[in-house]
Amino acid sequence: MNKYELALVVSAKLEDAARADVVEKAKGFVTRYEGEITNVEEWGRKRLAYEIQHERDGYYYFIQFDAEPTAPAEIESHVRIMDHVLRFLIVRQDEDEAAAAETAEAPAEAEETEKEEA
């Protein structure tokens, strides 16, 4: 199993419930192809670098998952035709990057507990 990240830019014109449905549908494609979702980050509404489908803003979501090497192509074929997804990208995370991200979080958590104790 490899580690992957699916980045989604969803239309800002959608209501919160509809936007959540789009993200859940994308997560459903990951699980359909036997992927295991490890983390979902919502970065919120951001200004796009350029207009996409006459829209200047979009909501950014990052879905990290573990899956077999054939899964990203299958997931991409479904996400590509989803309504209200302005852009998407699936990238494979290096093992070194994933380990570095996990170890970077641990010292930050330790600093927070030290500050709370002081």
PDB file of N, CA and C in Angstrom:
ATOM      1  N   MET A   1       0.847  -1.182   0.000  1.00  0.00           N
ATOM      2  CA  MET A   1       0.000   0.000   0.000  1.00  0.00           C
ATOM      3  C   MET A   1       0.891   1.244   0.000  1.00  0.00           C
ATOM      4  N   ASN A   2       0.484   2.214  -0.808  1.00  0.00           N
ATOM      5  CA  ASN A   2       1.198   3.480  -0.901  1.00  0.00           C
ATOM      6  C   ASN A   2       0.366   4.576  -0.253  1.00  0.00           C
ATOM      7  N   LYS A   3       1.041   5.658   0.116  1.00  0.00           N
ATOM      8  CA  LYS A   3       0.360   6.817   0.693  1.00  0.00           C
ATOM      9  C   LYS A   3       0.127   7.834  -0.414  1.00  0.00           C
ATOM     10  N   TYR A   4      -1.109   8.354  -0.473  1.00  0.00           N
ATOM     11  CA  TYR A   4      -1.489   9.323  -1.490  1.00  0.00           C
ATOM     12  C   TYR A   4      -2.195  10.501  -0.842  1.00  0.00           C
ATOM     13  N   GLU A   5      -2.278  11.596  -1.602  1.00  0.00           N
ATOM     14  CA  GLU A   5      -3.038  12.761  -1.174  1.00  0.00           C
ATOM     15  C   GLU A   5      -3.868  13.243  -2.350  1.00  0.00           C
ATOM     16  N   LEU A   6      -5.159  13.429  -2.105  1.00  0.00           N
ATOM     17  CA  LEU A   6      -6.081  13.963  -3.095  1.00  0.00           C
ATOM     18  C   LEU A   6      -6.387  15.403  -2.711  1.00  0.00           C
ATOM     19  N   ALA A   7      -6.019  16.339  -3.571  1.00  0.00           N
ATOM     20  CA  ALA A   7      -6.310  17.753  -3.346  1.00  0.00           C
ATOM     21  C   ALA A   7      -7.524  18.120  -4.198  1.00  0.00           C
ATOM     22  N   LEU A   8      -8.524  18.715  -3.574  1.00  0.00           N
ATOM     23  CA  LEU A   8      -9.746  19.130  -4.268  1.00  0.00           C
ATOM     24  C   LEU A   8      -9.945  20.627  -4.117  1.00  0.00           C
ATOM     25  N   VAL A   9     -10.348  21.266  -5.182  1.00  0.00           N
ATOM     26  CA  VAL A   9     -10.807  22.650  -5.122  1.00  0.00           C
ATOM     27  C   VAL A   9     -12.268  22.605  -5.520  1.00  0.00           C
ATOM     28  N   VAL A  10     -13.135  22.930  -4.566  1.00  0.00           N
ATOM     29  CA  VAL A  10     -14.581  22.839  -4.760  1.00  0.00           C
ATOM     30  C   VAL A  10     -15.143  24.246  -4.931  1.00  0.00           C
ATOM     31  N   SER A  11     -16.168  24.367  -5.739  1.00  0.00           N
ATOM     32  CA  SER A  11     -16.803  25.647  -6.026  1.00  0.00           C
ATOM     33  C   SER A  11     -17.239  26.365  -4.749  1.00  0.00           C
ATOM     34  N   ALA A  12     -16.958  27.656  -4.684  1.00  0.00           N
ATOM     35  CA  ALA A  12     -17.344  28.462  -3.526  1.00  0.00           C
ATOM     36  C   ALA A  12     -18.811  28.887  -3.595  1.00  0.00           C
ATOM     37  N   LYS A  13     -19.472  28.645  -4.725  1.00  0.00           N
ATOM     38  CA  LYS A  13     -20.870  29.031  -4.874  1.00  0.00           C
ATOM     39  C   LYS A  13     -21.824  28.068  -4.167  1.00  0.00           C
ATOM     40  N   LEU A  14     -21.313  26.915  -3.746  1.00  0.00           N
ATOM     41  CA  LEU A  14     -22.159  25.909  -3.110  1.00  0.00           C
ATOM     42  C   LEU A  14     -22.435  26.247  -1.652  1.00  0.00           C
ATOM     43  N   GLU A  15     -23.579  25.787  -1.174  1.00  0.00           N
ATOM     44  CA  GLU A  15     -23.895  25.880   0.246  1.00  0.00           C
ATOM     45  C   GLU A  15     -23.026  24.880   1.013  1.00  0.00           C
ATOM     46  N   ASP A  16     -22.944  25.031   2.323  1.00  0.00           N
ATOM     47  CA  ASP A  16     -22.095  24.159   3.142  1.00  0.00           C
ATOM     48  C   ASP A  16     -22.478  22.689   3.008  1.00  0.00           C
ATOM     49  N   ALA A  17     -23.764  22.386   3.016  1.00  0.00           N
ATOM     50  CA  ALA A  17     -24.219  20.993   2.937  1.00  0.00           C
ATOM     51  C   ALA A  17     -23.865  20.380   1.587  1.00  0.00           C
ATOM     52  N   ALA A  18     -24.050  21.123   0.518  1.00  0.00           N
ATOM     53  CA  ALA A  18     -23.737  20.615  -0.818  1.00  0.00           C
ATOM     54  C   ALA A  18     -22.232  20.411  -0.978  1.00  0.00           C
ATOM     55  N   ARG A  19     -21.451  21.324  -0.400  1.00  0.00           N
ATOM     56  CA  ARG A  19     -19.997  21.201  -0.464  1.00  0.00           C
ATOM     57  C   ARG A  19     -19.535  19.968   0.312  1.00  0.00           C
ATOM     58  N   ALA A  20     -20.159  19.719   1.462  1.00  0.00           N
ATOM     59  CA  ALA A  20     -19.830  18.529   2.254  1.00  0.00           C
ATOM     60  C   ALA A  20     -20.191  17.257   1.487  1.00  0.00           C
ATOM     61  N   ASP A  21     -21.282  17.292   0.737  1.00  0.00           N
ATOM     62  CA  ASP A  21     -21.673  16.140  -0.077  1.00  0.00           C
ATOM     63  C   ASP A  21     -20.636  15.840  -1.156  1.00  0.00           C
ATOM     64  N   VAL A  22     -20.085  16.877  -1.772  1.00  0.00           N
ATOM     65  CA  VAL A  22     -19.067  16.687  -2.806  1.00  0.00           C
ATOM     66  C   VAL A  22     -17.834  16.017  -2.201  1.00  0.00           C
ATOM     67  N   VAL A  23     -17.421  16.475  -1.024  1.00  0.00           N
ATOM     68  CA  VAL A  23     -16.244  15.901  -0.362  1.00  0.00           C
ATOM     69  C   VAL A  23     -16.530  14.461   0.059  1.00  0.00           C
ATOM     70  N   GLU A  24     -17.719  14.198   0.575  1.00  0.00           N
ATOM     71  CA  GLU A  24     -18.075  12.833   0.971  1.00  0.00           C
ATOM     72  C   GLU A  24     -18.107  11.894  -0.233  1.00  0.00           C
ATOM     73  N   LYS A  25     -18.555  12.404  -1.363  1.00  0.00           N
ATOM     74  CA  LYS A  25     -18.587  11.593  -2.575  1.00  0.00           C
ATOM     75  C   LYS A  25     -17.163  11.236  -3.004  1.00  0.00           C
ATOM     76  N   ALA A  26     -16.248  12.200  -2.918  1.00  0.00           N
ATOM     77  CA  ALA A  26     -14.846  11.939  -3.257  1.00  0.00           C
ATOM     78  C   ALA A  26     -14.242  10.933  -2.281  1.00  0.00           C
ATOM     79  N   LYS A  27     -14.571  11.064  -1.001  1.00  0.00           N
ATOM     80  CA  LYS A  27     -14.086  10.093  -0.011  1.00  0.00           C
ATOM     81  C   LYS A  27     -14.679   8.714  -0.283  1.00  0.00           C
ATOM     82  N   GLY A  28     -15.909   8.671  -0.770  1.00  0.00           N
ATOM     83  CA  GLY A  28     -16.542   7.405  -1.128  1.00  0.00           C
ATOM     84  C   GLY A  28     -15.810   6.704  -2.266  1.00  0.00           C
ATOM     85  N   PHE A  29     -15.299   7.471  -3.228  1.00  0.00           N
ATOM     86  CA  PHE A  29     -14.523   6.866  -4.313  1.00  0.00           C
ATOM     87  C   PHE A  29     -13.231   6.255  -3.782  1.00  0.00           C
ATOM     88  N   VAL A  30     -12.632   6.910  -2.798  1.00  0.00           N
ATOM     89  CA  VAL A  30     -11.403   6.367  -2.205  1.00  0.00           C
ATOM     90  C   VAL A  30     -11.690   5.032  -1.535  1.00  0.00           C
ATOM     91  N   THR A  31     -12.746   4.986  -0.742  1.00  0.00           N
ATOM     92  CA  THR A  31     -13.061   3.741  -0.032  1.00  0.00           C
ATOM     93  C   THR A  31     -13.583   2.661  -0.984  1.00  0.00           C
ATOM     94  N   ARG A  32     -14.244   3.056  -2.070  1.00  0.00           N
ATOM     95  CA  ARG A  32     -14.745   2.086  -3.039  1.00  0.00           C
ATOM     96  C   ARG A  32     -13.598   1.279  -3.649  1.00  0.00           C
ATOM     97  N   TYR A  33     -12.467   1.928  -3.861  1.00  0.00           N
ATOM     98  CA  TYR A  33     -11.310   1.246  -4.449  1.00  0.00           C
ATOM     99  C   TYR A  33     -10.325   0.806  -3.366  1.00  0.00           C
ATOM    100  N   GLU A  34     -10.878   0.434  -2.217  1.00  0.00           N
ATOM    101  CA  GLU A  34     -10.155  -0.171  -1.098  1.00  0.00           C
ATOM    102  C   GLU A  34      -9.058   0.709  -0.534  1.00  0.00           C
ATOM    103  N   GLY A  35      -9.272   2.013  -0.587  1.00  0.00           N
ATOM    104  CA  GLY A  35      -8.352   2.948   0.044  1.00  0.00           C
ATOM    105  C   GLY A  35      -8.782   3.194   1.480  1.00  0.00           C
ATOM    106  N   GLU A  36      -7.825   3.500   2.318  1.00  0.00           N
ATOM    107  CA  GLU A  36      -8.105   3.790   3.724  1.00  0.00           C
ATOM    108  C   GLU A  36      -7.761   5.249   3.989  1.00  0.00           C
ATOM    109  N   ILE A  37      -8.765   6.052   4.300  1.00  0.00           N
ATOM    110  CA  ILE A  37      -8.558   7.482   4.535  1.00  0.00           C
ATOM    111  C   ILE A  37      -7.881   7.668   5.885  1.00  0.00           C
ATOM    112  N   THR A  38      -6.759   8.398   5.888  1.00  0.00           N
ATOM    113  CA  THR A  38      -6.012   8.621   7.123  1.00  0.00           C
ATOM    114  C   THR A  38      -6.210  10.019   7.684  1.00  0.00           C
ATOM    115  N   ASN A  39      -6.483  10.998   6.804  1.00  0.00           N
ATOM    116  CA  ASN A  39      -6.629  12.365   7.294  1.00  0.00           C
ATOM    117  C   ASN A  39      -7.373  13.195   6.247  1.00  0.00           C
ATOM    118  N   VAL A  40      -8.202  14.117   6.710  1.00  0.00           N
ATOM    119  CA  VAL A  40      -8.891  15.063   5.825  1.00  0.00           C
ATOM    120  C   VAL A  40      -8.661  16.455   6.396  1.00  0.00           C
ATOM    121  N   GLU A  41      -8.085  17.326   5.572  1.00  0.00           N
ATOM    122  CA  GLU A  41      -7.847  18.708   5.988  1.00  0.00           C
ATOM    123  C   GLU A  41      -8.717  19.640   5.158  1.00  0.00           C
ATOM    124  N   GLU A  42      -9.349  20.571   5.829  1.00  0.00           N
ATOM    125  CA  GLU A  42     -10.123  21.602   5.122  1.00  0.00           C
ATOM    126  C   GLU A  42      -9.389  22.920   5.315  1.00  0.00           C
ATOM    127  N   TRP A  43      -8.911  23.474   4.228  1.00  0.00           N
ATOM    128  CA  TRP A  43      -8.188  24.735   4.302  1.00  0.00           C
ATOM    129  C   TRP A  43      -9.109  25.933   4.177  1.00  0.00           C
ATOM    130  N   GLY A  44     -10.338  25.706   3.796  1.00  0.00           N
ATOM    131  CA  GLY A  44     -11.297  26.789   3.718  1.00  0.00           C
ATOM    132  C   GLY A  44     -11.287  27.503   2.375  1.00  0.00           C
ATOM    133  N   ARG A  45     -11.921  28.652   2.371  1.00  0.00           N
ATOM    134  CA  ARG A  45     -12.097  29.426   1.137  1.00  0.00           C
ATOM    135  C   ARG A  45     -10.828  30.231   0.851  1.00  0.00           C
ATOM    136  N   LYS A  46     -10.340  30.091  -0.369  1.00  0.00           N
ATOM    137  CA  LYS A  46      -9.131  30.800  -0.792  1.00  0.00           C
ATOM    138  C   LYS A  46      -9.358  31.411  -2.169  1.00  0.00           C
ATOM    139  N   ARG A  47      -8.649  32.484  -2.435  1.00  0.00           N
ATOM    140  CA  ARG A  47      -8.686  33.134  -3.747  1.00  0.00           C
ATOM    141  C   ARG A  47      -7.853  32.293  -4.713  1.00  0.00           C
ATOM    142  N   LEU A  48      -8.407  32.013  -5.890  1.00  0.00           N
ATOM    143  CA  LEU A  48      -7.689  31.259  -6.905  1.00  0.00           C
ATOM    144  C   LEU A  48      -6.689  32.167  -7.613  1.00  0.00           C
ATOM    145  N   ALA A  49      -5.630  31.594  -8.137  1.00  0.00           N
ATOM    146  CA  ALA A  49      -4.621  32.377  -8.843  1.00  0.00           C
ATOM    147  C   ALA A  49      -5.195  32.956 -10.143  1.00  0.00           C
ATOM    148  N   TYR A  50      -6.139  32.245 -10.731  1.00  0.00           N
ATOM    149  CA  TYR A  50      -6.792  32.700 -11.952  1.00  0.00           C
ATOM    150  C   TYR A  50      -8.198  32.119 -11.980  1.00  0.00           C
ATOM    151  N   GLU A  51      -9.051  32.708 -12.805  1.00  0.00           N
ATOM    152  CA  GLU A  51     -10.442  32.255 -12.888  1.00  0.00           C
ATOM    153  C   GLU A  51     -10.526  30.847 -13.451  1.00  0.00           C
ATOM    154  N   ILE A  52     -11.347  30.029 -12.824  1.00  0.00           N
ATOM    155  CA  ILE A  52     -11.637  28.690 -13.313  1.00  0.00           C
ATOM    156  C   ILE A  52     -13.154  28.595 -13.425  1.00  0.00           C
ATOM    157  N   GLN A  53     -13.649  28.350 -14.597  1.00  0.00           N
ATOM    158  CA  GLN A  53     -15.086  28.265 -14.852  1.00  0.00           C
ATOM    159  C   GLN A  53     -15.816  29.503 -14.327  1.00  0.00           C
ATOM    160  N   HIS A  54     -15.243  30.662 -14.551  1.00  0.00           N
ATOM    161  CA  HIS A  54     -15.804  31.963 -14.160  1.00  0.00           C
ATOM    162  C   HIS A  54     -15.908  32.124 -12.641  1.00  0.00           C
ATOM    163  N   GLU A  55     -15.067  31.445 -11.898  1.00  0.00           N
ATOM    164  CA  GLU A  55     -15.068  31.578 -10.438  1.00  0.00           C
ATOM    165  C   GLU A  55     -13.703  32.050  -9.968  1.00  0.00           C
ATOM    166  N   ARG A  56     -13.700  32.946  -8.993  1.00  0.00           N
ATOM    167  CA  ARG A  56     -12.453  33.501  -8.454  1.00  0.00           C
ATOM    168  C   ARG A  56     -12.048  32.854  -7.127  1.00  0.00           C
ATOM    169  N   ASP A  57     -12.980  32.198  -6.424  1.00  0.00           N
ATOM    170  CA  ASP A  57     -12.698  31.590  -5.126  1.00  0.00           C
ATOM    171  C   ASP A  57     -13.054  30.113  -5.158  1.00  0.00           C
ATOM    172  N   GLY A  58     -12.423  29.359  -4.251  1.00  0.00           N
ATOM    173  CA  GLY A  58     -12.730  27.941  -4.130  1.00  0.00           C
ATOM    174  C   GLY A  58     -12.399  27.453  -2.736  1.00  0.00           C
ATOM    175  N   TYR A  59     -13.004  26.354  -2.350  1.00  0.00           N
ATOM    176  CA  TYR A  59     -12.718  25.727  -1.056  1.00  0.00           C
ATOM    177  C   TYR A  59     -11.729  24.594  -1.284  1.00  0.00           C
ATOM    178  N   TYR A  60     -10.676  24.586  -0.484  1.00  0.00           N
ATOM    179  CA  TYR A  60      -9.607  23.603  -0.642  1.00  0.00           C
ATOM    180  C   TYR A  60      -9.752  22.489   0.387  1.00  0.00           C
ATOM    181  N   TYR A  61      -9.630  21.253  -0.082  1.00  0.00           N
ATOM    182  CA  TYR A  61      -9.674  20.068   0.769  1.00  0.00           C
ATOM    183  C   TYR A  61      -8.510  19.161   0.392  1.00  0.00           C
ATOM    184  N   PHE A  62      -7.895  18.542   1.388  1.00  0.00           N
ATOM    185  CA  PHE A  62      -6.812  17.596   1.170  1.00  0.00           C
ATOM    186  C   PHE A  62      -7.163  16.297   1.888  1.00  0.00           C
ATOM    187  N   ILE A  63      -7.298  15.228   1.109  1.00  0.00           N
ATOM    188  CA  ILE A  63      -7.665  13.922   1.643  1.00  0.00           C
ATOM    189  C   ILE A  63      -6.454  13.013   1.504  1.00  0.00           C
ATOM    190  N   GLN A  64      -5.903  12.586   2.624  1.00  0.00           N
ATOM    191  CA  GLN A  64      -4.755  11.683   2.609  1.00  0.00           C
ATOM    192  C   GLN A  64      -5.262  10.264   2.820  1.00  0.00           C
ATOM    193  N   PHE A  65      -4.722   9.338   2.025  1.00  0.00           N
ATOM    194  CA  PHE A  65      -5.200   7.964   2.105  1.00  0.00           C
ATOM    195  C   PHE A  65      -4.115   6.982   1.709  1.00  0.00           C
ATOM    196  N   ASP A  66      -4.298   5.740   2.139  1.00  0.00           N
ATOM    197  CA  ASP A  66      -3.433   4.628   1.759  1.00  0.00           C
ATOM    198  C   ASP A  66      -4.217   3.775   0.781  1.00  0.00           C
ATOM    199  N   ALA A  67      -3.560   3.349  -0.306  1.00  0.00           N
ATOM    200  CA  ALA A  67      -4.250   2.541  -1.309  1.00  0.00           C
ATOM    201  C   ALA A  67      -3.244   1.774  -2.150  1.00  0.00           C
ATOM    202  N   GLU A  68      -3.774   0.837  -2.911  1.00  0.00           N
ATOM    203  CA  GLU A  68      -2.967   0.074  -3.860  1.00  0.00           C
ATOM    204  C   GLU A  68      -2.575   0.979  -5.028  1.00  0.00           C
ATOM    205  N   PRO A  69      -1.523   0.653  -5.757  1.00  0.00           N
ATOM    206  CA  PRO A  69      -1.060   1.514  -6.863  1.00  0.00           C
ATOM    207  C   PRO A  69      -2.069   1.727  -7.989  1.00  0.00           C
ATOM    208  N   THR A  70      -3.038   0.848  -8.145  1.00  0.00           N
ATOM    209  CA  THR A  70      -4.021   1.014  -9.219  1.00  0.00           C
ATOM    210  C   THR A  70      -5.166   1.943  -8.837  1.00  0.00           C
ATOM    211  N   ALA A  71      -5.344   2.202  -7.561  1.00  0.00           N
ATOM    212  CA  ALA A  71      -6.486   2.988  -7.086  1.00  0.00           C
ATOM    213  C   ALA A  71      -6.504   4.439  -7.572  1.00  0.00           C
ATOM    214  N   PRO A  72      -5.385   5.172  -7.568  1.00  0.00           N
ATOM    215  CA  PRO A  72      -5.461   6.582  -7.977  1.00  0.00           C
ATOM    216  C   PRO A  72      -6.024   6.797  -9.378  1.00  0.00           C
ATOM    217  N   ALA A  73      -5.693   5.947 -10.316  1.00  0.00           N
ATOM    218  CA  ALA A  73      -6.230   6.104 -11.677  1.00  0.00           C
ATOM    219  C   ALA A  73      -7.745   5.925 -11.692  1.00  0.00           C
ATOM    220  N   GLU A  74      -8.239   4.967 -10.921  1.00  0.00           N
ATOM    221  CA  GLU A  74      -9.689   4.737 -10.841  1.00  0.00           C
ATOM    222  C   GLU A  74     -10.387   5.912 -10.163  1.00  0.00           C
ATOM    223  N   ILE A  75      -9.811   6.381  -9.066  1.00  0.00           N
ATOM    224  CA  ILE A  75     -10.391   7.513  -8.335  1.00  0.00           C
ATOM    225  C   ILE A  75     -10.408   8.745  -9.232  1.00  0.00           C
ATOM    226  N   GLU A  76      -9.300   8.986  -9.931  1.00  0.00           N
ATOM    227  CA  GLU A  76      -9.199  10.147 -10.808  1.00  0.00           C
ATOM    228  C   GLU A  76     -10.253  10.124 -11.906  1.00  0.00           C
ATOM    229  N   SER A  77     -10.535   8.955 -12.454  1.00  0.00           N
ATOM    230  CA  SER A  77     -11.529   8.877 -13.532  1.00  0.00           C
ATOM    231  C   SER A  77     -12.917   9.277 -13.047  1.00  0.00           C
ATOM    232  N   HIS A  78     -13.220   9.083 -11.774  1.00  0.00           N
ATOM    233  CA  HIS A  78     -14.520   9.474 -11.232  1.00  0.00           C
ATOM    234  C   HIS A  78     -14.537  10.935 -10.779  1.00  0.00           C
ATOM    235  N   VAL A  79     -13.461  11.376 -10.145  1.00  0.00           N
ATOM    236  CA  VAL A  79     -13.405  12.759  -9.651  1.00  0.00           C
ATOM    237  C   VAL A  79     -13.387  13.731 -10.830  1.00  0.00           C
ATOM    238  N   ARG A  80     -12.780  13.332 -11.925  1.00  0.00           N
ATOM    239  CA  ARG A  80     -12.672  14.174 -13.114  1.00  0.00           C
ATOM    240  C   ARG A  80     -14.040  14.647 -13.615  1.00  0.00           C
ATOM    241  N   ILE A  81     -15.077  13.830 -13.491  1.00  0.00           N
ATOM    242  CA  ILE A  81     -16.398  14.188 -14.031  1.00  0.00           C
ATOM    243  C   ILE A  81     -17.376  14.659 -12.961  1.00  0.00           C
ATOM    244  N   MET A  82     -16.899  14.852 -11.728  1.00  0.00           N
ATOM    245  CA  MET A  82     -17.784  15.333 -10.657  1.00  0.00           C
ATOM    246  C   MET A  82     -18.147  16.801 -10.887  1.00  0.00           C
ATOM    247  N   ASP A  83     -19.411  17.110 -10.646  1.00  0.00           N
ATOM    248  CA  ASP A  83     -19.856  18.499 -10.706  1.00  0.00           C
ATOM    249  C   ASP A  83     -19.287  19.259  -9.519  1.00  0.00           C
ATOM    250  N   HIS A  84     -19.002  20.537  -9.727  1.00  0.00           N
ATOM    251  CA  HIS A  84     -18.573  21.465  -8.686  1.00  0.00           C
ATOM    252  C   HIS A  84     -17.142  21.249  -8.208  1.00  0.00           C
ATOM    253  N   VAL A  85     -16.390  20.325  -8.802  1.00  0.00           N
ATOM    254  CA  VAL A  85     -14.965  20.204  -8.508  1.00  0.00           C
ATOM    255  C   VAL A  85     -14.241  21.000  -9.579  1.00  0.00           C
ATOM    256  N   LEU A  86     -13.616  22.111  -9.166  1.00  0.00           N
ATOM    257  CA  LEU A  86     -12.942  22.976 -10.128  1.00  0.00           C
ATOM    258  C   LEU A  86     -11.601  22.390 -10.560  1.00  0.00           C
ATOM    259  N   ARG A  87     -10.833  21.876  -9.613  1.00  0.00           N
ATOM    260  CA  ARG A  87      -9.543  21.255  -9.883  1.00  0.00           C
ATOM    261  C   ARG A  87      -9.318  20.136  -8.879  1.00  0.00           C
ATOM    262  N   PHE A  88      -8.470  19.179  -9.269  1.00  0.00           N
ATOM    263  CA  PHE A  88      -8.100  18.100  -8.367  1.00  0.00           C
ATOM    264  C   PHE A  88      -6.706  17.624  -8.730  1.00  0.00           C
ATOM    265  N   LEU A  89      -6.062  16.961  -7.802  1.00  0.00           N
ATOM    266  CA  LEU A  89      -4.746  16.396  -8.053  1.00  0.00           C
ATOM    267  C   LEU A  89      -4.520  15.267  -7.059  1.00  0.00           C
ATOM    268  N   ILE A  90      -4.065  14.126  -7.568  1.00  0.00           N
ATOM    269  CA  ILE A  90      -3.699  13.017  -6.703  1.00  0.00           C
ATOM    270  C   ILE A  90      -2.192  12.842  -6.821  1.00  0.00           C
ATOM    271  N   VAL A  91      -1.500  12.896  -5.702  1.00  0.00           N
ATOM    272  CA  VAL A  91      -0.049  12.711  -5.685  1.00  0.00           C
ATOM    273  C   VAL A  91       0.319  11.614  -4.703  1.00  0.00           C
ATOM    274  N   ARG A  92       1.377  10.900  -5.026  1.00  0.00           N
ATOM    275  CA  ARG A  92       1.899   9.886  -4.120  1.00  0.00           C
ATOM    276  C   ARG A  92       2.874  10.559  -3.177  1.00  0.00           C
ATOM    277  N   GLN A  93       2.711  10.310  -1.895  1.00  0.00           N
ATOM    278  CA  GLN A  93       3.606  10.878  -0.907  1.00  0.00           C
ATOM    279  C   GLN A  93       4.788   9.946  -0.714  1.00  0.00           C
ATOM    280  N   ASP A  94       5.979  10.511  -0.661  1.00  0.00           N
ATOM    281  CA  ASP A  94       7.161   9.709  -0.364  1.00  0.00           C
ATOM    282  C   ASP A  94       7.101   9.245   1.073  1.00  0.00           C
ATOM    283  N   GLU A  95       7.689   8.117   1.334  1.00  0.00           N
ATOM    284  CA  GLU A  95       7.726   7.592   2.702  1.00  0.00           C
ATOM    285  C   GLU A  95       8.481   8.557   3.618  1.00  0.00           C
ATOM    286  N   ASP A  96       9.533   9.200   3.084  1.00  0.00           N
ATOM    287  CA  ASP A  96      10.312  10.152   3.870  1.00  0.00           C
ATOM    288  C   ASP A  96       9.477  11.368   4.252  1.00  0.00           C
ATOM    289  N   GLU A  97       8.661  11.868   3.308  1.00  0.00           N
ATOM    290  CA  GLU A  97       7.801  13.020   3.580  1.00  0.00           C
ATOM    291  C   GLU A  97       6.761  12.683   4.638  1.00  0.00           C
ATOM    292  N   ALA A  98       6.150  11.511   4.524  1.00  0.00           N
ATOM    293  CA  ALA A  98       5.122  11.113   5.484  1.00  0.00           C
ATOM    294  C   ALA A  98       5.717  10.965   6.872  1.00  0.00           C
ATOM    295  N   ALA A  99       6.894  10.371   6.967  1.00  0.00           N
ATOM    296  CA  ALA A  99       7.549  10.212   8.270  1.00  0.00           C
ATOM    297  C   ALA A  99       7.961  11.564   8.827  1.00  0.00           C
ATOM    298  N   ALA A 100       8.449  12.457   7.967  1.00  0.00           N
ATOM    299  CA  ALA A 100       8.849  13.786   8.419  1.00  0.00           C
ATOM    300  C   ALA A 100       7.650  14.581   8.924  1.00  0.00           C
ATOM    301  N   ALA A 101       6.515  14.449   8.259  1.00  0.00           N
ATOM    302  CA  ALA A 101       5.306  15.161   8.691  1.00  0.00           C
ATOM    303  C   ALA A 101       4.850  14.659  10.058  1.00  0.00           C
ATOM    304  N   GLU A 102       4.932  13.359  10.273  1.00  0.00           N
ATOM    305  CA  GLU A 102       4.527  12.804  11.564  1.00  0.00           C
ATOM    306  C   GLU A 102       5.460  13.239  12.677  1.00  0.00           C
ATOM    307  N   THR A 103       6.771  13.258  12.420  1.00  0.00           N
ATOM    308  CA  THR A 103       7.725  13.664  13.456  1.00  0.00           C
ATOM    309  C   THR A 103       7.682  15.169  13.686  1.00  0.00           C
ATOM    310  N   ALA A 104       7.315  15.947  12.672  1.00  0.00           N
ATOM    311  CA  ALA A 104       7.202  17.395  12.839  1.00  0.00           C
ATOM    312  C   ALA A 104       6.025  17.737  13.737  1.00  0.00           C
ATOM    313  N   GLU A 105       4.967  16.939  13.704  1.00  0.00           N
ATOM    314  CA  GLU A 105       3.803  17.189  14.549  1.00  0.00           C
ATOM    315  C   GLU A 105       4.106  16.886  16.009  1.00  0.00           C
ATOM    316  N   ALA A 106       4.906  15.879  16.276  1.00  0.00           N
ATOM    317  CA  ALA A 106       5.190  15.471  17.654  1.00  0.00           C
ATOM    318  C   ALA A 106       5.906  16.560  18.447  1.00  0.00           C
ATOM    319  N   PRO A 107       6.986  17.206  17.944  1.00  0.00           N
ATOM    320  CA  PRO A 107       7.617  18.281  18.722  1.00  0.00           C
ATOM    321  C   PRO A 107       6.693  19.479  18.930  1.00  0.00           C
ATOM    322  N   ALA A 108       5.855  19.777  17.957  1.00  0.00           N
ATOM    323  CA  ALA A 108       4.921  20.893  18.101  1.00  0.00           C
ATOM    324  C   ALA A 108       3.937  20.613  19.239  1.00  0.00           C
ATOM    325  N   GLU A 109       3.484  19.373  19.345  1.00  0.00           N
ATOM    326  CA  GLU A 109       2.580  19.009  20.427  1.00  0.00           C
ATOM    327  C   GLU A 109       3.295  19.092  21.777  1.00  0.00           C
ATOM    328  N   ALA A 110       4.566  18.712  21.819  1.00  0.00           N
ATOM    329  CA  ALA A 110       5.337  18.774  23.059  1.00  0.00           C
ATOM    330  C   ALA A 110       5.511  20.218  23.506  1.00  0.00           C
ATOM    331  N   GLU A 111       5.761  21.142  22.559  1.00  0.00           N
ATOM    332  CA  GLU A 111       5.899  22.553  22.893  1.00  0.00           C
ATOM    333  C   GLU A 111       4.610  23.113  23.465  1.00  0.00           C
ATOM    334  N   GLU A 112       3.469  22.706  22.905  1.00  0.00           N
ATOM    335  CA  GLU A 112       2.182  23.192  23.373  1.00  0.00           C
ATOM    336  C   GLU A 112       1.936  22.755  24.818  1.00  0.00           C
ATOM    337  N   THR A 113       2.278  21.513  25.148  1.00  0.00           N
ATOM    338  CA  THR A 113       2.065  21.034  26.520  1.00  0.00           C
ATOM    339  C   THR A 113       3.006  21.729  27.490  1.00  0.00           C
ATOM    340  N   GLU A 114       4.244  22.051  27.038  1.00  0.00           N
ATOM    341  CA  GLU A 114       5.170  22.766  27.903  1.00  0.00           C
ATOM    342  C   GLU A 114       4.654  24.172  28.184  1.00  0.00           C
ATOM    343  N   LYS A 115       4.088  24.831  27.185  1.00  0.00           N
ATOM    344  CA  LYS A 115       3.544  26.174  27.370  1.00  0.00           C
ATOM    345  C   LYS A 115       2.350  26.161  28.304  1.00  0.00           C
ATOM    346  N   GLU A 116       1.514  25.117  28.211  1.00  0.00           N
ATOM    347  CA  GLU A 116       0.350  25.015  29.072  1.00  0.00           C
ATOM    348  C   GLU A 116       0.759  24.785  30.528  1.00  0.00           C
ATOM    349  N   GLU A 117       1.849  24.028  30.743  1.00  0.00           N
ATOM    350  CA  GLU A 117       2.311  23.742  32.098  1.00  0.00           C
ATOM    351  C   GLU A 117       2.924  24.960  32.743  1.00  0.00           C
ATOM    352  N   ALA A 118       3.493  25.873  31.961  1.00  0.00           N
ATOM    353  CA  ALA A 118       4.200  27.049  32.503  1.00  0.00           C
ATOM    354  C   ALA A 118       3.252  28.107  32.961  1.00  0.00           C
TER     355      ALA A 118
END
